[in-house]
Amino acid sequence: MKKNIHRPLPPHLTLYMSQLTSTFPISHRISGAFLATMVLFSAFVCPKMGLISLTYENFYQSSPNSSKFIPSSVGLTAFALCFHLFHGVRHLLLDFGHLLLDVRQKFSA
């Protein structure tokens, strides 16, 4: 039988502030998972439409009652694609040593 032991939280947990260097990889993975979900979703929806023609008229005729859902999902997917692309390029530049500050010059004075 487990007893509930009320232990205090470590003091460093209350002082921790989220940093951009830890937030960007997490958001990059979330946007990648969203894009993968949208690709799989579109792969299942396109054959159900009959014609695999994603022109504006055919897409709206094949999906009734979705006048607000489709433009918002297309906009959100475009934002996720741009976000994922730009942060992927940023990550590659950081891997090759670009975009880094030279700490030695800053503290050598």
N, C-alpha and C. Protein backbone atom coordinates (compact mmCIF):
# COMPACT_ATOMS: atom_id res chain seq x y z
N MET A 1 0.84 -1.18 0.00
CA MET A 1 0.00 0.00 0.00
C MET A 1 0.89 1.24 0.00
N LYS A 2 0.61 2.15 -0.92
CA LYS A 2 1.40 3.37 -1.03
C LYS A 2 0.83 4.44 -0.13
N LYS A 3 1.73 5.11 0.52
CA LYS A 3 1.31 6.24 1.35
C LYS A 3 1.55 7.53 0.58
N ASN A 4 0.66 8.47 0.73
CA ASN A 4 0.85 9.78 0.12
C ASN A 4 1.80 10.58 0.99
N ILE A 5 3.00 10.75 0.47
CA ILE A 5 3.99 11.53 1.19
C ILE A 5 4.04 12.91 0.54
N HIS A 6 3.79 13.92 1.29
CA HIS A 6 3.80 15.29 0.78
C HIS A 6 5.21 15.86 0.90
N ARG A 7 5.92 15.78 -0.20
CA ARG A 7 7.27 16.32 -0.23
C ARG A 7 7.24 17.71 -0.85
N PRO A 8 8.09 18.59 -0.38
CA PRO A 8 8.12 19.93 -0.97
C PRO A 8 8.75 19.90 -2.36
N LEU A 9 8.34 20.85 -3.18
CA LEU A 9 8.93 20.96 -4.51
C LEU A 9 10.35 21.49 -4.42
N PRO A 10 11.22 21.08 -5.33
CA PRO A 10 12.57 21.66 -5.34
C PRO A 10 12.50 23.15 -5.66
N PRO A 11 13.40 23.94 -5.10
CA PRO A 11 13.31 25.40 -5.31
C PRO A 11 13.61 25.83 -6.74
N HIS A 12 14.37 25.02 -7.50
CA HIS A 12 14.69 25.46 -8.86
C HIS A 12 13.48 25.37 -9.79
N LEU A 13 12.47 24.58 -9.47
CA LEU A 13 11.29 24.49 -10.33
C LEU A 13 10.47 25.77 -10.31
N THR A 14 10.46 26.46 -9.21
CA THR A 14 9.68 27.70 -9.14
C THR A 14 10.41 28.87 -9.79
N LEU A 15 11.73 28.75 -9.99
CA LEU A 15 12.50 29.82 -10.60
C LEU A 15 12.71 29.64 -12.09
N TYR A 16 12.38 28.48 -12.62
CA TYR A 16 12.65 28.17 -14.02
C TYR A 16 11.76 29.00 -14.93
N MET A 17 12.39 29.58 -15.95
CA MET A 17 11.66 30.31 -16.98
C MET A 17 11.93 29.64 -18.32
N SER A 18 10.91 29.46 -19.12
CA SER A 18 11.07 28.83 -20.42
C SER A 18 11.94 29.71 -21.31
N GLN A 19 12.81 29.07 -22.08
CA GLN A 19 13.73 29.79 -22.96
C GLN A 19 13.35 29.51 -24.41
N LEU A 20 13.77 30.42 -25.29
CA LEU A 20 13.47 30.23 -26.71
C LEU A 20 14.17 29.00 -27.26
N THR A 21 15.37 28.70 -26.75
CA THR A 21 16.09 27.55 -27.27
C THR A 21 15.42 26.23 -26.92
N SER A 22 14.61 26.21 -25.89
CA SER A 22 13.86 24.98 -25.58
C SER A 22 12.46 25.01 -26.17
N THR A 23 11.95 26.17 -26.49
CA THR A 23 10.59 26.28 -27.03
C THR A 23 10.57 25.99 -28.54
N PHE A 24 11.59 26.41 -29.27
CA PHE A 24 11.60 26.22 -30.72
C PHE A 24 11.60 24.75 -31.15
N PRO A 25 12.42 23.88 -30.56
CA PRO A 25 12.35 22.47 -31.00
C PRO A 25 11.01 21.81 -30.69
N ILE A 26 10.41 22.17 -29.58
CA ILE A 26 9.11 21.59 -29.24
C ILE A 26 8.05 22.05 -30.24
N SER A 27 8.03 23.33 -30.55
CA SER A 27 7.05 23.84 -31.51
C SER A 27 7.33 23.32 -32.91
N HIS A 28 8.60 23.07 -33.24
CA HIS A 28 8.95 22.50 -34.55
C HIS A 28 8.38 21.08 -34.67
N ARG A 29 8.48 20.31 -33.61
CA ARG A 29 7.94 18.95 -33.63
C ARG A 29 6.41 18.96 -33.68
N ILE A 30 5.79 19.89 -32.98
CA ILE A 30 4.33 19.97 -33.01
C ILE A 30 3.85 20.34 -34.41
N SER A 31 4.52 21.30 -35.06
CA SER A 31 4.11 21.68 -36.41
C SER A 31 4.35 20.54 -37.39
N GLY A 32 5.43 19.76 -37.20
CA GLY A 32 5.68 18.61 -38.07
C GLY A 32 4.62 17.53 -37.90
N ALA A 33 4.21 17.30 -36.66
CA ALA A 33 3.16 16.31 -36.42
C ALA A 33 1.83 16.78 -37.02
N PHE A 34 1.55 18.07 -36.93
CA PHE A 34 0.33 18.61 -37.53
C PHE A 34 0.36 18.45 -39.04
N LEU A 35 1.50 18.74 -39.66
CA LEU A 35 1.60 18.61 -41.11
C LEU A 35 1.46 17.15 -41.54
N ALA A 36 2.05 16.23 -40.79
CA ALA A 36 1.90 14.80 -41.12
C ALA A 36 0.44 14.37 -40.99
N THR A 37 -0.24 14.88 -39.99
CA THR A 37 -1.66 14.57 -39.81
C THR A 37 -2.48 15.10 -40.97
N MET A 38 -2.18 16.31 -41.41
CA MET A 38 -2.92 16.89 -42.53
C MET A 38 -2.65 16.13 -43.83
N VAL A 39 -1.43 15.65 -44.03
CA VAL A 39 -1.13 14.86 -45.24
C VAL A 39 -1.92 13.55 -45.21
N LEU A 40 -1.94 12.89 -44.07
CA LEU A 40 -2.70 11.64 -43.97
C LEU A 40 -4.19 11.89 -44.11
N PHE A 41 -4.68 12.98 -43.52
CA PHE A 41 -6.10 13.33 -43.62
C PHE A 41 -6.48 13.59 -45.08
N SER A 42 -5.64 14.33 -45.80
CA SER A 42 -5.95 14.63 -47.20
C SER A 42 -5.84 13.38 -48.06
N ALA A 43 -4.97 12.43 -47.69
CA ALA A 43 -4.88 11.19 -48.45
C ALA A 43 -6.14 10.35 -48.29
N PHE A 44 -6.80 10.46 -47.15
CA PHE A 44 -8.05 9.72 -46.96
C PHE A 44 -9.25 10.46 -47.53
N VAL A 45 -9.20 11.79 -47.59
CA VAL A 45 -10.35 12.57 -48.05
C VAL A 45 -10.41 12.65 -49.57
N CYS A 46 -9.27 12.75 -50.23
CA CYS A 46 -9.26 12.94 -51.69
C CYS A 46 -9.93 11.79 -52.45
N PRO A 47 -9.69 10.52 -52.14
CA PRO A 47 -10.41 9.47 -52.86
C PRO A 47 -11.92 9.48 -52.60
N LYS A 48 -12.33 9.97 -51.44
CA LYS A 48 -13.76 10.03 -51.13
C LYS A 48 -14.47 11.11 -51.95
N MET A 49 -13.70 12.09 -52.46
CA MET A 49 -14.32 13.18 -53.21
C MET A 49 -14.71 12.75 -54.61
N GLY A 50 -14.22 11.64 -55.09
CA GLY A 50 -14.55 11.21 -56.44
C GLY A 50 -13.49 11.69 -57.40
N LEU A 51 -13.51 12.94 -57.73
CA LEU A 51 -12.48 13.52 -58.59
C LEU A 51 -11.32 13.99 -57.70
N ILE A 52 -10.15 13.66 -58.09
CA ILE A 52 -9.00 14.15 -57.33
C ILE A 52 -8.54 15.44 -57.99
N SER A 53 -9.42 16.37 -57.98
CA SER A 53 -9.14 17.69 -58.51
C SER A 53 -9.39 18.69 -57.40
N LEU A 54 -8.33 19.28 -56.90
CA LEU A 54 -8.47 20.18 -55.76
C LEU A 54 -8.61 21.64 -56.19
N THR A 55 -9.34 21.85 -57.28
CA THR A 55 -9.62 23.23 -57.63
C THR A 55 -10.63 23.79 -56.65
N TYR A 56 -10.75 25.06 -56.61
CA TYR A 56 -11.58 25.73 -55.62
C TYR A 56 -13.03 25.26 -55.70
N GLU A 57 -13.59 25.20 -56.91
CA GLU A 57 -15.01 24.86 -57.06
C GLU A 57 -15.27 23.40 -56.71
N ASN A 58 -14.43 22.49 -57.21
CA ASN A 58 -14.65 21.06 -56.95
C ASN A 58 -14.49 20.74 -55.47
N PHE A 59 -13.57 21.38 -54.84
CA PHE A 59 -13.32 21.10 -53.43
C PHE A 59 -14.49 21.53 -52.57
N TYR A 60 -15.06 22.69 -52.86
CA TYR A 60 -16.20 23.17 -52.07
C TYR A 60 -17.49 22.44 -52.41
N GLN A 61 -17.66 21.98 -53.65
CA GLN A 61 -18.86 21.24 -54.00
C GLN A 61 -18.87 19.86 -53.37
N SER A 62 -17.69 19.28 -53.18
CA SER A 62 -17.63 17.92 -52.64
C SER A 62 -17.73 17.89 -51.12
N SER A 63 -17.61 19.01 -50.48
CA SER A 63 -17.67 19.02 -49.01
C SER A 63 -18.70 20.04 -48.54
N PRO A 64 -19.94 19.61 -48.36
CA PRO A 64 -20.98 20.55 -47.92
C PRO A 64 -20.80 20.92 -46.44
N ASN A 65 -21.37 22.04 -46.09
CA ASN A 65 -21.37 22.54 -44.71
C ASN A 65 -19.98 22.75 -44.14
N SER A 66 -19.03 23.11 -44.98
CA SER A 66 -17.69 23.33 -44.47
C SER A 66 -17.14 24.67 -44.96
N SER A 67 -17.99 25.67 -45.03
CA SER A 67 -17.56 26.94 -45.58
C SER A 67 -16.55 27.66 -44.69
N LYS A 68 -16.57 27.40 -43.39
CA LYS A 68 -15.61 28.05 -42.50
C LYS A 68 -14.46 27.13 -42.11
N PHE A 69 -14.69 25.83 -42.14
CA PHE A 69 -13.67 24.89 -41.71
C PHE A 69 -12.52 24.78 -42.71
N ILE A 70 -12.83 24.71 -43.99
CA ILE A 70 -11.79 24.49 -44.99
C ILE A 70 -10.84 25.67 -45.11
N PRO A 71 -11.31 26.92 -45.24
CA PRO A 71 -10.34 28.01 -45.32
C PRO A 71 -9.49 28.15 -44.06
N SER A 72 -10.07 27.90 -42.90
CA SER A 72 -9.27 28.01 -41.68
C SER A 72 -8.25 26.89 -41.60
N SER A 73 -8.60 25.68 -42.03
CA SER A 73 -7.63 24.59 -42.00
C SER A 73 -6.54 24.79 -43.05
N VAL A 74 -6.88 25.35 -44.19
CA VAL A 74 -5.87 25.64 -45.21
C VAL A 74 -4.92 26.72 -44.71
N GLY A 75 -5.46 27.75 -44.07
CA GLY A 75 -4.62 28.80 -43.52
C GLY A 75 -3.72 28.30 -42.41
N LEU A 76 -4.26 27.47 -41.54
CA LEU A 76 -3.47 26.91 -40.45
C LEU A 76 -2.38 25.97 -40.97
N THR A 77 -2.70 25.21 -42.01
CA THR A 77 -1.70 24.32 -42.60
C THR A 77 -0.61 25.12 -43.29
N ALA A 78 -0.96 26.21 -43.96
CA ALA A 78 0.05 27.05 -44.60
C ALA A 78 0.95 27.69 -43.55
N PHE A 79 0.37 28.14 -42.45
CA PHE A 79 1.18 28.71 -41.37
C PHE A 79 2.13 27.65 -40.78
N ALA A 80 1.61 26.45 -40.55
CA ALA A 80 2.45 25.38 -39.99
C ALA A 80 3.56 25.00 -40.96
N LEU A 81 3.26 25.00 -42.26
CA LEU A 81 4.28 24.67 -43.25
C LEU A 81 5.38 25.73 -43.27
N CYS A 82 5.01 27.00 -43.26
CA CYS A 82 6.01 28.08 -43.24
C CYS A 82 6.82 28.03 -41.95
N PHE A 83 6.16 27.86 -40.83
CA PHE A 83 6.84 27.79 -39.55
C PHE A 83 7.82 26.62 -39.51
N HIS A 84 7.39 25.45 -39.97
CA HIS A 84 8.23 24.26 -39.95
C HIS A 84 9.42 24.42 -40.90
N LEU A 85 9.18 25.02 -42.06
CA LEU A 85 10.25 25.22 -43.04
C LEU A 85 11.30 26.19 -42.52
N PHE A 86 10.86 27.33 -42.02
CA PHE A 86 11.82 28.34 -41.57
C PHE A 86 12.61 27.88 -40.35
N HIS A 87 11.96 27.18 -39.44
CA HIS A 87 12.69 26.69 -38.28
C HIS A 87 13.59 25.51 -38.63
N GLY A 88 13.25 24.76 -39.66
CA GLY A 88 14.14 23.71 -40.14
C GLY A 88 15.41 24.30 -40.74
N VAL A 89 15.25 25.37 -41.53
CA VAL A 89 16.42 26.05 -42.10
C VAL A 89 17.25 26.69 -40.98
N ARG A 90 16.60 27.29 -40.00
CA ARG A 90 17.31 27.87 -38.86
C ARG A 90 18.10 26.80 -38.11
N HIS A 91 17.49 25.63 -37.94
CA HIS A 91 18.15 24.54 -37.24
C HIS A 91 19.39 24.07 -38.02
N LEU A 92 19.27 23.99 -39.34
CA LEU A 92 20.42 23.59 -40.16
C LEU A 92 21.54 24.61 -40.08
N LEU A 93 21.19 25.89 -40.10
CA LEU A 93 22.21 26.93 -39.99
C LEU A 93 22.92 26.88 -38.64
N LEU A 94 22.17 26.61 -37.57
CA LEU A 94 22.79 26.48 -36.27
C LEU A 94 23.68 25.24 -36.19
N ASP A 95 23.30 24.17 -36.87
CA ASP A 95 24.12 22.96 -36.87
C ASP A 95 25.46 23.19 -37.57
N PHE A 96 25.46 24.04 -38.59
CA PHE A 96 26.70 24.32 -39.29
C PHE A 96 27.50 25.46 -38.66
N GLY A 97 27.04 25.99 -37.56
CA GLY A 97 27.79 27.00 -36.83
C GLY A 97 27.47 28.43 -37.18
N HIS A 98 26.54 28.65 -38.05
CA HIS A 98 26.13 30.02 -38.38
C HIS A 98 25.13 30.48 -37.32
N LEU A 99 24.86 31.75 -37.26
CA LEU A 99 23.90 32.36 -36.34
C LEU A 99 24.30 32.23 -34.87
N LEU A 100 25.53 31.82 -34.61
CA LEU A 100 25.99 31.71 -33.23
C LEU A 100 26.77 32.96 -32.86
N LEU A 101 26.63 33.39 -31.64
CA LEU A 101 27.39 34.53 -31.15
C LEU A 101 28.74 34.04 -30.67
N ASP A 102 29.78 34.80 -30.94
CA ASP A 102 31.10 34.43 -30.46
C ASP A 102 31.24 34.94 -29.02
N VAL A 103 31.15 34.02 -28.09
CA VAL A 103 31.16 34.37 -26.68
C VAL A 103 32.54 34.85 -26.25
N ARG A 104 33.59 34.37 -26.90
CA ARG A 104 34.94 34.77 -26.53
C ARG A 104 35.16 36.26 -26.75
N GLN A 105 34.63 36.81 -27.84
CA GLN A 105 34.79 38.23 -28.10
C GLN A 105 34.01 39.07 -27.10
N LYS A 106 32.89 38.56 -26.63
CA LYS A 106 32.05 39.31 -25.73
C LYS A 106 32.71 39.46 -24.35
N PHE A 107 33.38 38.41 -23.88
CA PHE A 107 33.93 38.43 -22.54
C PHE A 107 35.45 38.64 -22.49
N SER A 108 36.08 38.94 -23.62
CA SER A 108 37.53 39.10 -23.61
C SER A 108 37.96 40.53 -23.26
N ALA A 109 37.04 41.43 -23.12
CA ALA A 109 37.39 42.83 -22.83
C ALA A 109 37.84 43.07 -21.45
